[in-house]
Amino acid sequence: MNQHAVAALAALQAHIASLKLLPRTGWLQRNLRDVESVAEHSFGVATLALVVGDLYPELDRGHLLAMAILHDMAEALLGDLPASASRLLGKAAKHEAERKAMLEIFHGLPCSDAYLALWEEYSQAASKEARLVKALDRLEMLAQALAYERAGARGLDEFWAERNGWGEEFPEVRALTAQLFAQHQALMGQRGGENET
């Protein structure tokens, strides 16, 4: 391995380390403490991809896991943009910024073009694997919302309100989403009538 590739790997490791320290903005905006990092979220998505992927043997497992690992990598340079920023920027501008970040993050690595292509495939939901990872990304967020609610958090109803339409192509993801929502509703019922999305 040449010095340029070694330097590129060292830079990649620094980006990975930054994701371990980067809190998920959506949780911070709701005044939660000790929120998960982007890296923790990505680990959750990758774990779901590994296990749920077993239910879809026709899918390319390596492809699925690689997309799960890479899906939020651009946030190492851009930060975790809140939904409001994404809405104001627009899809095209956000995508272009993320693409530039991915180019910078993987610059100099032997397979940088392959990593960028995987990220593009995920971003465009261009394959069944990409669509499953997108669905699992959202499913993992709901599981985290439920974990925060079980720990006493309130005011997370908007996350549940946006659950419809996620993973329609994947019956197991729909079933998991319904199960999480039922647990959320039961918890809200125990709390005595908070908004039951």
N, C-alpha and C. Protein backbone atom coordinates (compact mmCIF):
# COMPACT_ATOMS: atom_id res chain seq x y z
N MET A 1 0.86 -1.18 0.00
CA MET A 1 0.00 0.00 0.00
C MET A 1 0.90 1.24 0.00
N ASN A 2 0.59 2.18 -0.88
CA ASN A 2 1.43 3.37 -0.97
C ASN A 2 1.07 4.39 0.12
N GLN A 3 1.94 5.38 0.27
CA GLN A 3 1.76 6.40 1.32
C GLN A 3 0.47 7.19 1.15
N HIS A 4 0.08 7.41 -0.10
CA HIS A 4 -1.15 8.16 -0.36
C HIS A 4 -2.36 7.40 0.17
N ALA A 5 -2.39 6.09 -0.07
CA ALA A 5 -3.50 5.27 0.41
C ALA A 5 -3.50 5.18 1.94
N VAL A 6 -2.30 5.11 2.54
CA VAL A 6 -2.20 5.08 4.00
C VAL A 6 -2.75 6.38 4.58
N ALA A 7 -2.39 7.50 3.97
CA ALA A 7 -2.90 8.80 4.44
C ALA A 7 -4.42 8.87 4.28
N ALA A 8 -4.93 8.33 3.18
CA ALA A 8 -6.38 8.34 2.95
C ALA A 8 -7.09 7.48 4.00
N LEU A 9 -6.50 6.34 4.35
CA LEU A 9 -7.09 5.49 5.40
C LEU A 9 -7.07 6.18 6.76
N ALA A 10 -5.98 6.89 7.05
CA ALA A 10 -5.90 7.63 8.32
C ALA A 10 -6.97 8.72 8.37
N ALA A 11 -7.17 9.39 7.24
CA ALA A 11 -8.22 10.43 7.18
C ALA A 11 -9.60 9.81 7.36
N LEU A 12 -9.82 8.65 6.74
CA LEU A 12 -11.10 7.96 6.89
C LEU A 12 -11.34 7.60 8.35
N GLN A 13 -10.30 7.11 9.02
CA GLN A 13 -10.45 6.76 10.43
C GLN A 13 -10.83 7.98 11.26
N ALA A 14 -10.29 9.13 10.94
CA ALA A 14 -10.65 10.36 11.65
C ALA A 14 -12.12 10.70 11.42
N HIS A 15 -12.60 10.49 10.21
CA HIS A 15 -14.03 10.75 9.92
C HIS A 15 -14.92 9.77 10.69
N ILE A 16 -14.51 8.52 10.74
CA ILE A 16 -15.28 7.52 11.50
C ILE A 16 -15.32 7.92 12.97
N ALA A 17 -14.18 8.34 13.51
CA ALA A 17 -14.13 8.77 14.92
C ALA A 17 -15.06 9.95 15.16
N SER A 18 -15.13 10.87 14.19
CA SER A 18 -16.01 12.04 14.38
C SER A 18 -17.48 11.63 14.42
N LEU A 19 -17.85 10.58 13.68
CA LEU A 19 -19.23 10.11 13.71
C LEU A 19 -19.59 9.50 15.06
N LYS A 20 -18.59 8.97 15.77
CA LYS A 20 -18.84 8.42 17.10
C LYS A 20 -19.16 9.53 18.11
N LEU A 21 -18.72 10.74 17.81
CA LEU A 21 -18.92 11.87 18.72
C LEU A 21 -20.04 12.79 18.27
N LEU A 22 -20.57 12.57 17.08
CA LEU A 22 -21.59 13.46 16.52
C LEU A 22 -22.98 13.03 16.96
N PRO A 23 -23.64 13.84 17.80
CA PRO A 23 -24.98 13.45 18.25
C PRO A 23 -26.02 13.60 17.15
N ARG A 24 -27.06 12.80 17.23
CA ARG A 24 -28.16 12.89 16.28
C ARG A 24 -28.98 14.14 16.61
N THR A 25 -29.06 15.03 15.65
CA THR A 25 -29.65 16.34 15.84
C THR A 25 -31.12 16.30 16.22
N GLY A 26 -31.88 15.42 15.61
CA GLY A 26 -33.32 15.35 15.90
C GLY A 26 -33.61 15.14 17.37
N TRP A 27 -32.78 14.33 18.02
CA TRP A 27 -32.99 14.09 19.45
C TRP A 27 -32.58 15.32 20.27
N LEU A 28 -31.49 15.97 19.87
CA LEU A 28 -31.07 17.18 20.58
C LEU A 28 -32.13 18.26 20.49
N GLN A 29 -32.76 18.38 19.33
CA GLN A 29 -33.79 19.41 19.14
C GLN A 29 -35.00 19.17 20.04
N ARG A 30 -35.13 17.97 20.56
CA ARG A 30 -36.25 17.66 21.46
C ARG A 30 -35.78 17.62 22.92
N ASN A 31 -34.63 18.25 23.15
CA ASN A 31 -34.07 18.43 24.50
C ASN A 31 -33.79 17.12 25.23
N LEU A 32 -33.43 16.09 24.48
CA LEU A 32 -33.05 14.83 25.11
C LEU A 32 -31.57 14.91 25.50
N ARG A 33 -31.23 14.22 26.56
CA ARG A 33 -29.84 14.18 27.02
C ARG A 33 -29.22 12.85 26.64
N ASP A 34 -27.90 12.86 26.55
CA ASP A 34 -27.16 11.63 26.26
C ASP A 34 -27.72 10.91 25.04
N VAL A 35 -27.86 11.65 23.95
CA VAL A 35 -28.46 11.07 22.75
C VAL A 35 -27.45 10.20 22.00
N GLU A 36 -27.99 9.32 21.19
CA GLU A 36 -27.14 8.44 20.39
C GLU A 36 -26.32 9.26 19.40
N SER A 37 -25.18 8.72 19.03
CA SER A 37 -24.35 9.33 18.00
C SER A 37 -24.78 8.81 16.63
N VAL A 38 -24.30 9.48 15.60
CA VAL A 38 -24.56 9.01 14.24
C VAL A 38 -23.99 7.61 14.05
N ALA A 39 -22.80 7.36 14.61
CA ALA A 39 -22.19 6.03 14.48
C ALA A 39 -23.03 4.96 15.18
N GLU A 40 -23.59 5.29 16.34
CA GLU A 40 -24.44 4.32 17.03
C GLU A 40 -25.68 4.01 16.20
N HIS A 41 -26.25 5.04 15.61
CA HIS A 41 -27.41 4.83 14.74
C HIS A 41 -27.02 3.95 13.55
N SER A 42 -25.90 4.24 12.91
CA SER A 42 -25.46 3.45 11.76
C SER A 42 -25.21 2.00 12.14
N PHE A 43 -24.66 1.79 13.34
CA PHE A 43 -24.47 0.42 13.82
C PHE A 43 -25.82 -0.29 13.96
N GLY A 44 -26.81 0.42 14.48
CA GLY A 44 -28.15 -0.16 14.61
C GLY A 44 -28.73 -0.53 13.26
N VAL A 45 -28.56 0.36 12.27
CA VAL A 45 -29.07 0.08 10.93
C VAL A 45 -28.34 -1.12 10.32
N ALA A 46 -27.02 -1.16 10.50
CA ALA A 46 -26.24 -2.28 9.95
C ALA A 46 -26.64 -3.60 10.60
N THR A 47 -26.89 -3.59 11.91
CA THR A 47 -27.31 -4.80 12.61
C THR A 47 -28.67 -5.27 12.10
N LEU A 48 -29.60 -4.32 11.94
CA LEU A 48 -30.90 -4.67 11.37
C LEU A 48 -30.75 -5.23 9.96
N ALA A 49 -29.87 -4.62 9.17
CA ALA A 49 -29.64 -5.09 7.80
C ALA A 49 -29.12 -6.53 7.80
N LEU A 50 -28.23 -6.83 8.74
CA LEU A 50 -27.69 -8.18 8.84
C LEU A 50 -28.80 -9.19 9.15
N VAL A 51 -29.62 -8.87 10.14
CA VAL A 51 -30.63 -9.82 10.62
C VAL A 51 -31.85 -9.86 9.71
N VAL A 52 -32.38 -8.71 9.36
CA VAL A 52 -33.56 -8.67 8.48
C VAL A 52 -33.17 -9.17 7.09
N GLY A 53 -31.93 -8.94 6.70
CA GLY A 53 -31.46 -9.45 5.42
C GLY A 53 -31.60 -10.95 5.28
N ASP A 54 -31.57 -11.67 6.41
CA ASP A 54 -31.77 -13.13 6.38
C ASP A 54 -33.13 -13.50 5.81
N LEU A 55 -34.09 -12.60 5.95
CA LEU A 55 -35.45 -12.87 5.47
C LEU A 55 -35.58 -12.69 3.96
N TYR A 56 -34.55 -12.13 3.33
CA TYR A 56 -34.58 -11.85 1.90
C TYR A 56 -33.33 -12.44 1.25
N PRO A 57 -33.28 -13.77 1.09
CA PRO A 57 -32.07 -14.41 0.56
C PRO A 57 -31.73 -13.99 -0.86
N GLU A 58 -32.69 -13.42 -1.57
CA GLU A 58 -32.40 -12.98 -2.94
C GLU A 58 -31.56 -11.70 -2.97
N LEU A 59 -31.43 -11.03 -1.83
CA LEU A 59 -30.67 -9.79 -1.79
C LEU A 59 -29.18 -10.08 -1.59
N ASP A 60 -28.35 -9.18 -2.08
CA ASP A 60 -26.91 -9.28 -1.93
C ASP A 60 -26.53 -8.78 -0.53
N ARG A 61 -26.15 -9.71 0.34
CA ARG A 61 -25.87 -9.37 1.74
C ARG A 61 -24.74 -8.35 1.88
N GLY A 62 -23.66 -8.54 1.14
CA GLY A 62 -22.54 -7.60 1.22
C GLY A 62 -22.95 -6.20 0.81
N HIS A 63 -23.73 -6.13 -0.23
CA HIS A 63 -24.26 -4.86 -0.74
C HIS A 63 -25.12 -4.18 0.32
N LEU A 64 -25.99 -4.96 0.92
CA LEU A 64 -26.90 -4.47 1.95
C LEU A 64 -26.12 -3.89 3.13
N LEU A 65 -25.15 -4.64 3.62
CA LEU A 65 -24.37 -4.19 4.77
C LEU A 65 -23.51 -2.98 4.43
N ALA A 66 -22.92 -2.98 3.25
CA ALA A 66 -22.09 -1.83 2.86
C ALA A 66 -22.92 -0.55 2.82
N MET A 67 -24.11 -0.62 2.25
CA MET A 67 -24.96 0.57 2.20
C MET A 67 -25.38 1.00 3.60
N ALA A 68 -25.67 0.04 4.47
CA ALA A 68 -26.06 0.39 5.84
C ALA A 68 -24.93 1.11 6.56
N ILE A 69 -23.71 0.66 6.35
CA ILE A 69 -22.56 1.29 6.99
C ILE A 69 -22.31 2.68 6.41
N LEU A 70 -22.46 2.83 5.10
CA LEU A 70 -22.13 4.08 4.43
C LEU A 70 -23.24 5.13 4.44
N HIS A 71 -24.46 4.77 4.78
CA HIS A 71 -25.61 5.63 4.47
C HIS A 71 -25.53 7.03 5.09
N ASP A 72 -24.92 7.18 6.25
CA ASP A 72 -24.82 8.51 6.88
C ASP A 72 -23.38 9.00 6.96
N MET A 73 -22.47 8.40 6.22
CA MET A 73 -21.05 8.76 6.29
C MET A 73 -20.79 10.23 5.97
N ALA A 74 -21.56 10.82 5.07
CA ALA A 74 -21.35 12.22 4.70
C ALA A 74 -21.50 13.15 5.89
N GLU A 75 -22.22 12.71 6.91
CA GLU A 75 -22.44 13.54 8.09
C GLU A 75 -21.15 13.80 8.85
N ALA A 76 -20.10 13.04 8.58
CA ALA A 76 -18.80 13.31 9.19
C ALA A 76 -18.30 14.69 8.81
N LEU A 77 -18.66 15.17 7.63
CA LEU A 77 -18.27 16.51 7.19
C LEU A 77 -19.41 17.52 7.28
N LEU A 78 -20.63 17.07 7.06
CA LEU A 78 -21.78 17.99 7.01
C LEU A 78 -22.49 18.16 8.34
N GLY A 79 -22.26 17.25 9.27
CA GLY A 79 -23.07 17.21 10.48
C GLY A 79 -24.38 16.51 10.18
N ASP A 80 -25.14 16.27 11.23
CA ASP A 80 -26.45 15.63 11.08
C ASP A 80 -27.47 16.73 10.85
N LEU A 81 -27.80 16.96 9.60
CA LEU A 81 -28.72 18.05 9.26
C LEU A 81 -30.12 17.74 9.78
N PRO A 82 -30.74 18.70 10.46
CA PRO A 82 -32.12 18.47 10.90
C PRO A 82 -33.06 18.46 9.71
N ALA A 83 -34.22 17.88 9.90
CA ALA A 83 -35.21 17.80 8.82
C ALA A 83 -35.55 19.18 8.28
N SER A 84 -35.58 20.19 9.15
CA SER A 84 -35.91 21.54 8.69
C SER A 84 -34.85 22.07 7.72
N ALA A 85 -33.58 21.80 7.98
CA ALA A 85 -32.52 22.24 7.07
C ALA A 85 -32.62 21.51 5.75
N SER A 86 -32.88 20.22 5.81
CA SER A 86 -33.03 19.44 4.58
C SER A 86 -34.19 19.96 3.74
N ARG A 87 -35.28 20.30 4.40
CA ARG A 87 -36.45 20.83 3.69
C ARG A 87 -36.12 22.17 3.03
N LEU A 88 -35.42 23.04 3.75
CA LEU A 88 -35.10 24.36 3.21
C LEU A 88 -34.05 24.30 2.10
N LEU A 89 -33.09 23.41 2.23
CA LEU A 89 -32.07 23.26 1.20
C LEU A 89 -32.65 22.66 -0.08
N GLY A 90 -33.58 21.75 0.09
CA GLY A 90 -34.12 21.01 -1.05
C GLY A 90 -33.31 19.75 -1.29
N LYS A 91 -33.95 18.78 -1.91
CA LYS A 91 -33.32 17.48 -2.12
C LYS A 91 -32.06 17.57 -2.97
N ALA A 92 -32.12 18.36 -4.03
CA ALA A 92 -30.98 18.41 -4.96
C ALA A 92 -29.75 19.01 -4.29
N ALA A 93 -29.92 20.11 -3.57
CA ALA A 93 -28.78 20.75 -2.90
C ALA A 93 -28.21 19.86 -1.80
N LYS A 94 -29.08 19.23 -1.05
CA LYS A 94 -28.63 18.33 0.02
C LYS A 94 -27.87 17.15 -0.59
N HIS A 95 -28.41 16.58 -1.65
CA HIS A 95 -27.75 15.45 -2.30
C HIS A 95 -26.37 15.85 -2.82
N GLU A 96 -26.28 17.01 -3.43
CA GLU A 96 -24.99 17.46 -3.98
C GLU A 96 -23.97 17.68 -2.86
N ALA A 97 -24.40 18.28 -1.77
CA ALA A 97 -23.49 18.48 -0.63
C ALA A 97 -23.02 17.13 -0.07
N GLU A 98 -23.93 16.20 0.05
CA GLU A 98 -23.57 14.87 0.55
C GLU A 98 -22.63 14.16 -0.42
N ARG A 99 -22.89 14.30 -1.71
CA ARG A 99 -22.02 13.67 -2.71
C ARG A 99 -20.60 14.23 -2.62
N LYS A 100 -20.48 15.56 -2.48
CA LYS A 100 -19.16 16.17 -2.34
C LYS A 100 -18.47 15.70 -1.07
N ALA A 101 -19.23 15.58 0.00
CA ALA A 101 -18.65 15.07 1.25
C ALA A 101 -18.14 13.65 1.07
N MET A 102 -18.93 12.81 0.42
CA MET A 102 -18.51 11.43 0.19
C MET A 102 -17.25 11.37 -0.68
N LEU A 103 -17.18 12.21 -1.70
CA LEU A 103 -15.98 12.27 -2.53
C LEU A 103 -14.76 12.61 -1.69
N GLU A 104 -14.90 13.58 -0.81
CA GLU A 104 -13.78 13.99 0.04
C GLU A 104 -13.41 12.90 1.04
N ILE A 105 -14.40 12.30 1.65
CA ILE A 105 -14.15 11.27 2.67
C ILE A 105 -13.41 10.07 2.08
N PHE A 106 -13.77 9.65 0.88
CA PHE A 106 -13.18 8.45 0.29
C PHE A 106 -12.06 8.75 -0.71
N HIS A 107 -11.70 10.01 -0.86
CA HIS A 107 -10.64 10.40 -1.78
C HIS A 107 -9.34 9.66 -1.44
N GLY A 108 -8.75 9.07 -2.45
CA GLY A 108 -7.46 8.42 -2.29
C GLY A 108 -7.53 6.95 -1.88
N LEU A 109 -8.71 6.46 -1.58
CA LEU A 109 -8.84 5.05 -1.23
C LEU A 109 -8.96 4.21 -2.50
N PRO A 110 -8.43 3.00 -2.49
CA PRO A 110 -8.42 2.18 -3.70
C PRO A 110 -9.80 1.95 -4.32
N CYS A 111 -10.83 1.83 -3.52
CA CYS A 111 -12.17 1.52 -4.04
C CYS A 111 -13.13 2.70 -3.87
N SER A 112 -12.62 3.91 -3.92
CA SER A 112 -13.46 5.09 -3.66
C SER A 112 -14.64 5.18 -4.62
N ASP A 113 -14.44 4.85 -5.88
CA ASP A 113 -15.55 4.91 -6.84
C ASP A 113 -16.65 3.92 -6.48
N ALA A 114 -16.27 2.75 -6.01
CA ALA A 114 -17.26 1.74 -5.62
C ALA A 114 -18.06 2.21 -4.41
N TYR A 115 -17.39 2.86 -3.45
CA TYR A 115 -18.10 3.36 -2.26
C TYR A 115 -19.06 4.47 -2.64
N LEU A 116 -18.62 5.36 -3.51
CA LEU A 116 -19.50 6.44 -3.95
C LEU A 116 -20.70 5.87 -4.71
N ALA A 117 -20.47 4.86 -5.54
CA ALA A 117 -21.57 4.24 -6.29
C ALA A 117 -22.57 3.58 -5.34
N LEU A 118 -22.08 2.94 -4.29
CA LEU A 118 -22.98 2.34 -3.29
C LEU A 118 -23.82 3.41 -2.60
N TRP A 119 -23.16 4.50 -2.22
CA TRP A 119 -23.88 5.58 -1.55
C TRP A 119 -24.93 6.18 -2.50
N GLU A 120 -24.57 6.38 -3.77
CA GLU A 120 -25.52 6.92 -4.75
C GLU A 120 -26.72 5.97 -4.91
N GLU A 121 -26.43 4.69 -4.98
CA GLU A 121 -27.50 3.69 -5.10
C GLU A 121 -28.45 3.79 -3.91
N TYR A 122 -27.88 3.92 -2.71
CA TYR A 122 -28.70 4.08 -1.50
C TYR A 122 -29.50 5.38 -1.58
N SER A 123 -28.81 6.44 -1.88
CA SER A 123 -29.44 7.76 -1.89
C SER A 123 -30.62 7.83 -2.86
N GLN A 124 -30.48 7.18 -4.00
CA GLN A 124 -31.52 7.20 -5.03
C GLN A 124 -32.54 6.06 -4.86
N ALA A 125 -32.34 5.22 -3.84
CA ALA A 125 -33.20 4.04 -3.64
C ALA A 125 -33.31 3.24 -4.93
N ALA A 126 -32.14 3.02 -5.56
CA ALA A 126 -32.09 2.46 -6.90
C ALA A 126 -32.12 0.94 -6.96
N SER A 127 -32.16 0.28 -5.82
CA SER A 127 -32.21 -1.18 -5.80
C SER A 127 -33.06 -1.63 -4.62
N LYS A 128 -33.42 -2.89 -4.63
CA LYS A 128 -34.19 -3.43 -3.51
C LYS A 128 -33.36 -3.36 -2.22
N GLU A 129 -32.06 -3.62 -2.33
CA GLU A 129 -31.18 -3.50 -1.16
C GLU A 129 -31.22 -2.08 -0.60
N ALA A 130 -31.13 -1.09 -1.49
CA ALA A 130 -31.14 0.31 -1.05
C ALA A 130 -32.46 0.66 -0.38
N ARG A 131 -33.55 0.19 -0.95
CA ARG A 131 -34.87 0.49 -0.36
C ARG A 131 -35.03 -0.18 1.00
N LEU A 132 -34.47 -1.37 1.15
CA LEU A 132 -34.54 -2.03 2.45
C LEU A 132 -33.71 -1.26 3.48
N VAL A 133 -32.53 -0.82 3.11
CA VAL A 133 -31.71 -0.05 4.06
C VAL A 133 -32.42 1.25 4.43
N LYS A 134 -33.05 1.91 3.48
CA LYS A 134 -33.81 3.13 3.80
C LYS A 134 -34.93 2.83 4.79
N ALA A 135 -35.62 1.72 4.58
CA ALA A 135 -36.70 1.34 5.50
C ALA A 135 -36.13 1.02 6.89
N LEU A 136 -34.99 0.34 6.93
CA LEU A 136 -34.39 -0.01 8.21
C LEU A 136 -33.83 1.21 8.92
N ASP A 137 -33.36 2.19 8.17
CA ASP A 137 -32.91 3.46 8.74
C ASP A 137 -34.05 4.09 9.54
N ARG A 138 -35.22 4.10 8.96
CA ARG A 138 -36.38 4.68 9.63
C ARG A 138 -36.86 3.79 10.78
N LEU A 139 -36.82 2.49 10.57
CA LEU A 139 -37.23 1.56 11.63
C LEU A 139 -36.33 1.72 12.85
N GLU A 140 -35.04 1.85 12.62
CA GLU A 140 -34.09 2.02 13.73
C GLU A 140 -34.39 3.31 14.48
N MET A 141 -34.77 4.36 13.76
CA MET A 141 -35.12 5.62 14.41
C MET A 141 -36.34 5.45 15.31
N LEU A 142 -37.34 4.70 14.85
CA LEU A 142 -38.52 4.46 15.68
C LEU A 142 -38.17 3.63 16.91
N ALA A 143 -37.31 2.64 16.75
CA ALA A 143 -36.88 1.84 17.90
C ALA A 143 -36.17 2.72 18.92
N GLN A 144 -35.38 3.68 18.43
CA GLN A 144 -34.68 4.59 19.34
C GLN A 144 -35.67 5.54 20.02
N ALA A 145 -36.66 6.02 19.27
CA ALA A 145 -37.68 6.88 19.87
C ALA A 145 -38.39 6.14 21.00
N LEU A 146 -38.73 4.88 20.76
CA LEU A 146 -39.40 4.08 21.79
C LEU A 146 -38.48 3.90 23.00
N ALA A 147 -37.20 3.67 22.77
CA ALA A 147 -36.26 3.53 23.88
C ALA A 147 -36.21 4.81 24.72
N TYR A 148 -36.20 5.96 24.05
CA TYR A 148 -36.21 7.23 24.78
C TYR A 148 -37.51 7.41 25.54
N GLU A 149 -38.62 7.04 24.92
CA GLU A 149 -39.92 7.16 25.61
C GLU A 149 -39.96 6.25 26.84
N ARG A 150 -39.43 5.07 26.73
CA ARG A 150 -39.40 4.15 27.88
C ARG A 150 -38.54 4.73 29.01
N ALA A 151 -37.56 5.55 28.64
CA ALA A 151 -36.70 6.19 29.64
C ALA A 151 -37.31 7.49 30.17
N GLY A 152 -38.51 7.83 29.70
CA GLY A 152 -39.21 9.00 30.22
C GLY A 152 -39.36 10.17 29.28
N ALA A 153 -38.79 10.09 28.08
CA ALA A 153 -38.89 11.20 27.13
C ALA A 153 -40.33 11.41 26.69
N ARG A 154 -40.63 12.66 26.42
CA ARG A 154 -41.96 13.03 25.92
C ARG A 154 -41.78 13.90 24.69
N GLY A 155 -42.86 14.07 23.95
CA GLY A 155 -42.82 14.96 22.80
C GLY A 155 -42.20 14.38 21.55
N LEU A 156 -42.25 13.08 21.40
CA LEU A 156 -41.67 12.43 20.21
C LEU A 156 -42.73 11.95 19.24
N ASP A 157 -43.96 12.44 19.40
CA ASP A 157 -45.08 11.96 18.59
C ASP A 157 -44.88 12.17 17.09
N GLU A 158 -44.18 13.23 16.72
CA GLU A 158 -44.01 13.50 15.28
C GLU A 158 -43.24 12.38 14.58
N PHE A 159 -42.36 11.71 15.30
CA PHE A 159 -41.63 10.60 14.69
C PHE A 159 -42.58 9.47 14.34
N TRP A 160 -43.54 9.23 15.21
CA TRP A 160 -44.52 8.16 14.97
C TRP A 160 -45.52 8.55 13.89
N ALA A 161 -45.84 9.83 13.81
CA ALA A 161 -46.82 10.29 12.82
C ALA A 161 -46.31 10.08 11.39
N GLU A 162 -45.00 10.04 11.23
CA GLU A 162 -44.40 9.92 9.90
C GLU A 162 -44.10 8.48 9.50
N ARG A 163 -44.59 7.52 10.26
CA ARG A 163 -44.22 6.12 10.03
C ARG A 163 -44.90 5.48 8.83
N ASN A 164 -46.03 5.99 8.41
CA ASN A 164 -46.79 5.35 7.33
C ASN A 164 -46.06 5.44 6.00
N GLY A 165 -46.12 4.36 5.25
CA GLY A 165 -45.49 4.33 3.94
C GLY A 165 -44.06 3.85 3.95
N TRP A 166 -43.48 3.65 5.11
CA TRP A 166 -42.10 3.19 5.19
C TRP A 166 -42.05 1.69 4.97
N GLY A 167 -41.19 1.27 4.09
CA GLY A 167 -40.97 -0.15 3.90
C GLY A 167 -42.14 -0.93 3.35
N GLU A 168 -43.00 -0.27 2.59
CA GLU A 168 -44.19 -0.94 2.05
C GLU A 168 -43.84 -2.18 1.24
N GLU A 169 -42.66 -2.18 0.66
CA GLU A 169 -42.21 -3.30 -0.17
C GLU A 169 -41.82 -4.52 0.67
N PHE A 170 -41.67 -4.31 1.98
CA PHE A 170 -41.12 -5.35 2.85
C PHE A 170 -42.09 -5.66 3.99
N PRO A 171 -42.85 -6.75 3.87
CA PRO A 171 -43.87 -7.07 4.88
C PRO A 171 -43.31 -7.17 6.30
N GLU A 172 -42.10 -7.71 6.44
CA GLU A 172 -41.53 -7.85 7.78
C GLU A 172 -41.22 -6.49 8.39
N VAL A 173 -40.79 -5.54 7.57
CA VAL A 173 -40.53 -4.19 8.08
C VAL A 173 -41.84 -3.53 8.49
N ARG A 174 -42.88 -3.73 7.70
CA ARG A 174 -44.21 -3.20 8.08
C ARG A 174 -44.66 -3.81 9.41
N ALA A 175 -44.45 -5.11 9.57
CA ALA A 175 -44.86 -5.78 10.81
C ALA A 175 -44.05 -5.27 12.00
N LEU A 176 -42.75 -5.09 11.82
CA LEU A 176 -41.92 -4.55 12.90
C LEU A 176 -42.33 -3.13 13.26
N THR A 177 -42.62 -2.32 12.24
CA THR A 177 -43.07 -0.96 12.49
C THR A 177 -44.38 -0.96 13.27
N ALA A 178 -45.31 -1.82 12.88
CA ALA A 178 -46.59 -1.92 13.58
C ALA A 178 -46.39 -2.36 15.02
N GLN A 179 -45.47 -3.29 15.24
CA GLN A 179 -45.21 -3.75 16.60
C GLN A 179 -44.62 -2.64 17.46
N LEU A 180 -43.66 -1.89 16.92
CA LEU A 180 -43.10 -0.76 17.66
C LEU A 180 -44.17 0.27 17.98
N PHE A 181 -45.04 0.54 17.00
CA PHE A 181 -46.10 1.52 17.22
C PHE A 181 -47.06 1.05 18.30
N ALA A 182 -47.39 -0.23 18.30
CA ALA A 182 -48.28 -0.77 19.34
C ALA A 182 -47.65 -0.61 20.72
N GLN A 183 -46.34 -0.83 20.81
CA GLN A 183 -45.65 -0.64 22.08
C GLN A 183 -45.65 0.83 22.49
N HIS A 184 -45.47 1.70 21.52
CA HIS A 184 -45.54 3.15 21.77
C HIS A 184 -46.92 3.53 22.30
N GLN A 185 -47.97 3.05 21.64
CA GLN A 185 -49.34 3.37 22.07
C GLN A 185 -49.62 2.84 23.48
N ALA A 186 -49.16 1.64 23.77
CA ALA A 186 -49.37 1.08 25.10
C ALA A 186 -48.67 1.93 26.16
N LEU A 187 -47.46 2.37 25.85
CA LEU A 187 -46.72 3.22 26.78
C LEU A 187 -47.43 4.55 26.99
N MET A 188 -47.91 5.14 25.90
CA MET A 188 -48.63 6.41 26.02
C MET A 188 -49.91 6.22 26.84
N GLY A 189 -50.57 5.08 26.66
CA GLY A 189 -51.76 4.77 27.44
C GLY A 189 -51.45 4.66 28.93
N GLN A 190 -50.32 4.06 29.25
CA GLN A 190 -49.90 3.93 30.65
C GLN A 190 -49.60 5.29 31.26
N ARG A 191 -49.16 6.22 30.44
CA ARG A 191 -48.83 7.55 30.93
C ARG A 191 -50.08 8.41 31.11
N GLY A 192 -51.21 7.89 30.68
CA GLY A 192 -52.45 8.60 30.94
C GLY A 192 -52.88 9.57 29.87
N GLY A 193 -52.78 9.14 28.63
CA GLY A 193 -53.41 9.90 27.57
C GLY A 193 -52.57 10.96 26.91
N GLU A 194 -51.25 10.82 26.91
CA GLU A 194 -50.46 11.70 26.05
C GLU A 194 -50.95 11.52 24.63
N ASN A 195 -50.51 12.38 23.76
CA ASN A 195 -50.92 12.22 22.35
C ASN A 195 -50.63 10.81 21.90
N GLU A 196 -51.65 10.17 21.36
CA GLU A 196 -51.47 8.81 20.85
C GLU A 196 -51.55 8.84 19.34
N THR A 197 -50.50 9.29 18.74
CA THR A 197 -50.32 9.51 17.33
C THR A 197 -51.25 8.73 16.45
